[in-house]
N, C-alpha and C. Protein backbone atom coordinates (compact mmCIF):
# COMPACT_ATOMS: atom_id res chain seq x y z
N MET A 1 -2.06 -8.10 -2.84
CA MET A 1 -1.26 -6.16 -2.34
C MET A 1 -0.39 -7.53 -1.20
N SER A 2 0.75 -6.53 -1.29
CA SER A 2 1.83 -6.89 -0.13
C SER A 2 1.60 -6.32 1.42
N ASN A 3 1.83 -6.69 1.90
CA ASN A 3 1.93 -5.95 3.31
C ASN A 3 3.09 -5.51 3.72
N LEU A 4 4.28 -5.62 2.47
CA LEU A 4 5.85 -4.89 2.47
C LEU A 4 5.26 -3.40 1.31
N LEU A 5 6.32 -2.46 2.44
CA LEU A 5 6.11 -1.27 1.56
C LEU A 5 7.77 -1.25 1.61
N LYS A 6 8.49 -1.10 0.55
CA LYS A 6 9.19 -0.30 0.55
C LYS A 6 9.11 1.50 0.55
N PHE A 7 9.94 1.86 1.43
CA PHE A 7 10.41 3.14 1.08
C PHE A 7 11.21 4.22 0.62
N ASP A 8 9.91 4.09 -0.74
CA ASP A 8 10.65 5.13 -1.66
C ASP A 8 9.99 5.67 -2.92
N PRO A 9 10.68 7.10 -2.96
CA PRO A 9 9.92 7.85 -3.39
C PRO A 9 9.85 8.21 -4.41
N SER A 10 10.70 7.61 -5.86
CA SER A 10 10.43 7.48 -6.50
C SER A 10 9.52 6.64 -6.96
N SER A 11 8.57 5.72 -6.49
CA SER A 11 7.99 4.86 -6.17
C SER A 11 6.33 5.80 -6.97
N VAL A 12 6.45 7.12 -6.32
CA VAL A 12 5.20 7.98 -6.76
C VAL A 12 5.57 9.10 -7.38
N GLU A 13 4.60 10.01 -7.64
CA GLU A 13 4.70 11.05 -8.22
C GLU A 13 4.70 12.51 -6.98
N ALA A 14 5.61 13.33 -6.95
CA ALA A 14 5.80 14.34 -5.74
C ALA A 14 4.56 15.18 -6.19
N GLU A 15 3.91 15.69 -4.72
CA GLU A 15 3.19 16.74 -5.03
C GLU A 15 4.07 18.24 -4.54
N VAL A 16 3.41 19.15 -5.10
CA VAL A 16 4.32 20.73 -4.88
C VAL A 16 3.36 21.23 -4.40
N GLY A 17 3.78 21.96 -3.00
CA GLY A 17 2.94 23.17 -2.53
C GLY A 17 4.13 24.19 -2.10
N ALA A 18 3.74 24.88 -1.37
CA ALA A 18 4.17 26.26 -0.53
C ALA A 18 3.21 26.54 0.93
N PRO A 19 4.11 27.04 1.59
CA PRO A 19 3.15 27.75 3.23
C PRO A 19 1.82 28.57 2.44
N ALA A 20 0.87 28.00 3.53
CA ALA A 20 -0.51 29.69 2.70
C ALA A 20 0.54 30.86 3.28
N PRO A 21 -0.12 31.33 2.41
CA PRO A 21 0.45 32.95 2.53
C PRO A 21 0.56 33.68 3.50
N ASP A 22 -0.69 33.56 3.93
CA ASP A 22 -1.00 34.00 5.57
C ASP A 22 0.07 33.73 6.70
N ARG A 23 0.61 32.32 5.91
CA ARG A 23 1.91 32.03 7.37
C ARG A 23 3.14 32.21 6.95
N LEU A 24 3.29 32.70 5.77
CA LEU A 24 4.70 33.33 5.00
C LEU A 24 5.36 34.06 5.64
N ILE A 25 6.76 34.24 6.45
CA ILE A 25 7.11 35.16 6.91
C ILE A 25 8.16 35.28 6.05
N SER A 26 9.27 35.02 5.68
CA SER A 26 10.00 35.13 4.12
C SER A 26 9.81 34.17 3.65
N GLY A 27 11.12 34.93 2.31
CA GLY A 27 11.16 33.48 1.40
C GLY A 27 10.26 33.72 0.16
N THR A 28 10.43 32.36 -0.03
CA THR A 28 9.13 31.55 -1.51
C THR A 28 9.88 30.49 -1.35
N PRO A 29 10.04 29.48 0.11
CA PRO A 29 10.00 27.71 0.05
C PRO A 29 8.45 27.30 -1.21
N GLU A 30 9.00 26.79 -1.46
CA GLU A 30 8.31 25.67 -2.42
C GLU A 30 8.71 24.14 -1.58
N PHE A 31 7.18 23.44 -1.96
CA PHE A 31 7.50 22.25 -0.66
C PHE A 31 7.07 20.70 -2.01
N ARG A 32 7.82 19.92 -1.40
CA ARG A 32 7.56 18.30 -2.16
C ARG A 32 7.15 17.21 -1.45
N THR A 33 6.08 16.69 -1.88
CA THR A 33 5.68 15.38 -1.19
C THR A 33 5.60 14.43 -1.51
N TRP A 34 6.18 13.54 -1.34
CA TRP A 34 6.33 11.95 -1.72
C TRP A 34 5.41 11.33 -0.50
N ASN A 35 4.02 10.97 -0.99
CA ASN A 35 3.34 10.38 0.56
C ASN A 35 3.09 8.81 -0.19
N LEU A 36 3.63 7.78 0.61
CA LEU A 36 3.91 7.19 0.06
C LEU A 36 2.99 5.88 1.10
N GLU A 37 2.63 6.22 1.86
CA GLU A 37 1.39 5.28 2.46
C GLU A 37 0.09 6.20 3.60
N GLU A 38 -0.76 5.47 2.73
CA GLU A 38 -2.46 6.36 4.06
C GLU A 38 -2.72 5.09 4.17
N ALA A 39 -2.72 5.26 5.38
CA ALA A 39 -3.70 4.06 6.30
C ALA A 39 -5.34 4.62 7.01
N GLY A 40 -6.08 4.18 6.39
CA GLY A 40 -7.19 4.99 7.09
C GLY A 40 -7.96 6.44 7.25
N GLY A 41 -7.33 7.12 6.47
CA GLY A 41 -7.17 8.54 6.24
C GLY A 41 -6.77 9.05 7.62
N SER A 42 -5.69 8.47 8.52
CA SER A 42 -5.01 9.11 9.94
C SER A 42 -3.94 8.22 10.02
N LEU A 43 -3.41 7.91 9.43
CA LEU A 43 -1.99 7.93 9.69
C LEU A 43 -1.79 7.80 7.94
N TYR A 44 -0.08 8.83 7.61
CA TYR A 44 0.71 9.05 6.40
C TYR A 44 2.28 8.80 6.68
N ALA A 45 2.20 8.47 5.72
CA ALA A 45 4.32 8.30 6.05
C ALA A 45 4.90 8.84 4.71
N GLY A 46 5.95 9.39 4.54
CA GLY A 46 6.20 9.78 3.60
C GLY A 46 7.77 10.36 3.58
N VAL A 47 7.91 11.09 2.37
CA VAL A 47 9.21 12.20 2.48
C VAL A 47 9.26 13.41 1.95
N TRP A 48 9.26 14.45 2.63
CA TRP A 48 8.65 15.80 2.45
C TRP A 48 10.31 16.56 2.43
N GLU A 49 10.28 17.66 1.18
CA GLU A 49 11.43 18.21 1.27
C GLU A 49 10.87 19.73 0.96
N ALA A 50 12.09 20.78 1.20
CA ALA A 50 11.34 22.32 0.99
C ALA A 50 13.27 22.44 0.81
N THR A 51 12.74 23.84 0.01
CA THR A 51 13.84 24.95 -0.40
C THR A 51 13.83 26.16 1.00
N PRO A 52 14.69 26.80 0.62
CA PRO A 52 14.57 28.22 2.13
C PRO A 52 13.81 29.01 1.61
N GLY A 53 13.03 29.06 2.88
CA GLY A 53 11.91 30.22 3.48
C GLY A 53 11.80 30.08 4.99
N LYS A 54 10.76 30.50 5.48
CA LYS A 54 10.48 30.61 7.14
C LYS A 54 9.11 31.01 6.82
N TRP A 55 8.41 30.03 7.44
CA TRP A 55 6.83 30.18 8.03
C TRP A 55 6.15 29.89 9.42
N ARG A 56 4.89 30.46 9.66
CA ARG A 56 4.73 29.70 10.88
C ARG A 56 3.52 28.24 10.64
N ILE A 57 3.77 27.82 11.99
CA ILE A 57 3.24 26.28 11.32
C ILE A 57 2.21 26.32 13.26
N ILE A 58 1.04 25.34 12.46
CA ILE A 58 0.76 25.09 13.64
C ILE A 58 -0.22 23.35 13.88
N TYR A 59 -0.02 23.20 14.51
CA TYR A 59 -0.13 21.60 13.96
C TYR A 59 -1.28 20.82 14.59
N ASP A 60 -1.93 20.42 13.89
CA ASP A 60 -3.01 19.94 15.03
C ASP A 60 -3.02 18.11 15.14
N GLU A 61 -2.43 17.87 14.10
CA GLU A 61 -1.58 16.20 13.91
C GLU A 61 -0.48 15.94 14.56
N TRP A 62 -0.01 14.60 15.17
CA TRP A 62 1.13 14.11 15.77
C TRP A 62 1.68 13.79 14.49
N GLU A 63 3.59 14.40 14.82
CA GLU A 63 4.28 13.59 13.60
C GLU A 63 5.95 13.59 13.82
N TYR A 64 6.45 12.51 13.64
CA TYR A 64 7.43 11.95 14.01
C TYR A 64 8.35 12.18 12.34
N PHE A 65 9.49 12.61 12.65
CA PHE A 65 10.10 12.75 11.48
C PHE A 65 11.41 12.89 11.40
N HIS A 66 12.34 12.81 10.62
CA HIS A 66 13.52 12.34 10.38
C HIS A 66 14.54 13.24 9.51
N ILE A 67 15.79 13.56 9.67
CA ILE A 67 16.00 14.62 8.50
C ILE A 67 16.81 13.32 8.21
N LEU A 68 17.17 13.77 6.74
CA LEU A 68 17.78 12.96 5.80
C LEU A 68 18.59 13.97 5.09
N SER A 69 18.79 15.25 4.76
CA SER A 69 19.10 15.95 4.52
C SER A 69 18.89 17.83 4.72
N GLY A 70 20.18 18.81 4.63
CA GLY A 70 19.86 19.52 4.73
C GLY A 70 20.32 20.50 6.02
N HIS A 71 19.33 21.51 6.33
CA HIS A 71 18.85 22.29 7.67
C HIS A 71 18.33 23.18 8.06
N SER A 72 17.87 22.98 9.00
CA SER A 72 15.96 23.71 8.73
C SER A 72 16.42 24.31 10.71
N ILE A 73 15.65 25.07 10.94
CA ILE A 73 15.46 25.50 12.29
C ILE A 73 13.85 25.71 12.80
N VAL A 74 13.41 25.12 13.77
CA VAL A 74 12.18 24.79 14.56
C VAL A 74 11.84 25.72 15.63
N THR A 75 10.99 26.46 15.76
CA THR A 75 10.99 27.12 17.11
C THR A 75 9.60 27.18 17.36
N GLU A 76 9.67 26.59 18.89
CA GLU A 76 8.22 26.58 19.65
C GLU A 76 8.34 27.78 20.08
N GLU A 77 6.73 29.02 19.76
CA GLU A 77 6.52 29.60 20.54
C GLU A 77 6.91 30.00 21.88
N GLY A 78 7.51 30.69 22.27
CA GLY A 78 7.88 31.24 23.74
C GLY A 78 9.92 30.22 24.10
N ARG A 79 9.77 29.17 22.43
CA ARG A 79 11.05 28.59 23.29
C ARG A 79 12.35 28.74 22.51
N GLU A 80 13.23 28.31 22.64
CA GLU A 80 14.60 28.48 22.35
C GLU A 80 14.27 27.59 20.78
N PRO A 81 15.56 27.95 20.20
CA PRO A 81 15.64 27.22 18.17
C PRO A 81 16.23 25.90 18.34
N ILE A 82 15.79 25.02 17.59
CA ILE A 82 16.23 23.79 17.43
C ILE A 82 16.91 23.73 16.07
N HIS A 83 17.87 23.80 16.16
CA HIS A 83 18.39 23.65 14.63
C HIS A 83 18.87 22.08 14.15
N LEU A 84 18.47 21.59 13.01
CA LEU A 84 17.77 20.27 12.72
C LEU A 84 18.65 19.89 11.29
N ARG A 85 19.73 18.80 11.46
CA ARG A 85 20.50 18.75 10.28
C ARG A 85 20.36 16.93 10.41
N ALA A 86 21.00 16.40 9.13
CA ALA A 86 20.59 14.85 8.81
C ALA A 86 21.06 14.75 10.00
N GLY A 87 20.01 13.24 10.22
CA GLY A 87 20.43 12.63 11.20
C GLY A 87 19.40 12.92 12.67
N ASP A 88 19.05 13.92 12.82
CA ASP A 88 18.13 14.50 13.86
C ASP A 88 16.42 14.49 13.75
N SER A 89 16.05 13.27 14.55
CA SER A 89 14.96 13.46 14.97
C SER A 89 13.90 13.67 15.27
N MET A 90 12.74 14.15 14.97
CA MET A 90 11.71 15.47 16.08
C MET A 90 10.17 14.66 15.85
N ILE A 91 10.10 14.48 17.60
CA ILE A 91 8.04 14.69 17.31
C ILE A 91 7.56 16.11 17.94
N LEU A 92 6.28 16.66 16.60
CA LEU A 92 5.85 17.74 17.37
C LEU A 92 4.58 17.20 17.62
N ARG A 93 3.87 17.74 18.17
CA ARG A 93 2.32 16.79 18.90
C ARG A 93 1.73 18.06 18.58
N PRO A 94 0.26 17.47 18.65
CA PRO A 94 -0.73 18.38 18.82
C PRO A 94 -0.66 19.59 19.90
N GLY A 95 -1.16 20.85 18.93
CA GLY A 95 -0.84 22.34 19.56
C GLY A 95 0.11 22.67 19.54
N PHE A 96 1.19 21.61 18.43
CA PHE A 96 2.47 23.10 18.65
C PHE A 96 2.06 24.00 17.69
N LYS A 97 2.74 25.34 18.45
CA LYS A 97 3.00 26.53 16.78
C LYS A 97 4.05 27.14 17.05
N GLY A 98 4.28 27.42 16.46
CA GLY A 98 5.61 28.51 16.29
C GLY A 98 6.22 28.72 14.67
N THR A 99 7.40 28.25 14.28
CA THR A 99 8.07 28.68 13.05
C THR A 99 9.19 27.52 12.29
N TRP A 100 8.81 27.31 11.37
CA TRP A 100 9.60 26.30 10.49
C TRP A 100 10.44 27.29 9.50
N GLU A 101 11.90 27.37 9.39
CA GLU A 101 12.84 27.84 8.47
C GLU A 101 13.77 27.00 8.09
N VAL A 102 14.03 26.84 6.73
CA VAL A 102 14.79 26.37 6.34
C VAL A 102 15.67 27.08 5.32
N VAL A 103 17.04 26.54 5.77
CA VAL A 103 18.52 27.62 5.64
C VAL A 103 18.63 26.79 4.81
N GLU A 104 18.77 25.57 4.62
CA GLU A 104 19.54 24.80 3.22
C GLU A 104 18.41 23.82 2.94
N THR A 105 17.94 23.90 1.78
CA THR A 105 17.17 22.78 1.38
C THR A 105 16.59 21.85 2.36
N THR A 106 15.66 21.25 2.40
CA THR A 106 15.85 20.09 3.58
C THR A 106 14.63 18.52 3.35
N ARG A 107 15.17 18.21 3.54
CA ARG A 107 14.25 16.23 3.09
C ARG A 107 14.42 15.60 4.20
N LYS A 108 13.04 15.32 4.67
CA LYS A 108 13.06 14.52 5.76
C LYS A 108 11.79 13.24 5.38
N ASP A 109 11.95 12.41 6.12
CA ASP A 109 10.90 11.15 6.05
C ASP A 109 10.32 11.50 6.96
N TYR A 110 8.29 11.26 7.11
CA TYR A 110 7.63 11.67 8.02
C TYR A 110 6.53 10.20 8.22
N VAL A 111 6.06 10.39 9.37
CA VAL A 111 5.22 9.70 9.77
C VAL A 111 4.18 10.59 10.78
N ILE A 112 2.86 10.82 9.73
CA ILE A 112 1.66 11.45 10.46
C ILE A 112 0.59 10.97 11.18
N ARG A 113 -0.05 11.51 11.74
CA ARG A 113 -1.08 10.67 12.89
C ARG A 113 -1.83 11.43 13.21
N LEU A 114 -3.49 11.88 12.34
CA LEU A 114 -4.23 12.49 12.76
C LEU A 114 -5.22 11.98 13.67
């Protein structure tokens, strides 16, 4: 096994999902996730894509992500919306509560630490 991993979503099959019904606000968003790395059950890295819609998010984990394409709006409770487009990066910390709205199908790469 190599200690080098190319970040290539075509090397794994995508997992398909959607927001939990009780979190869905609008639309019929679909997720595709290519989880490329899982280390010790507490660190994950890969690529995530979602189609348009809006849902509530609550984070128990820490996540860094970088938007590769599309347009999304992330809004923390009580704060102004943040528009995210290709090239934007963000960290969501444990305890984050708010909404994620995909305006245009969005793809990001991510690193999550539980």
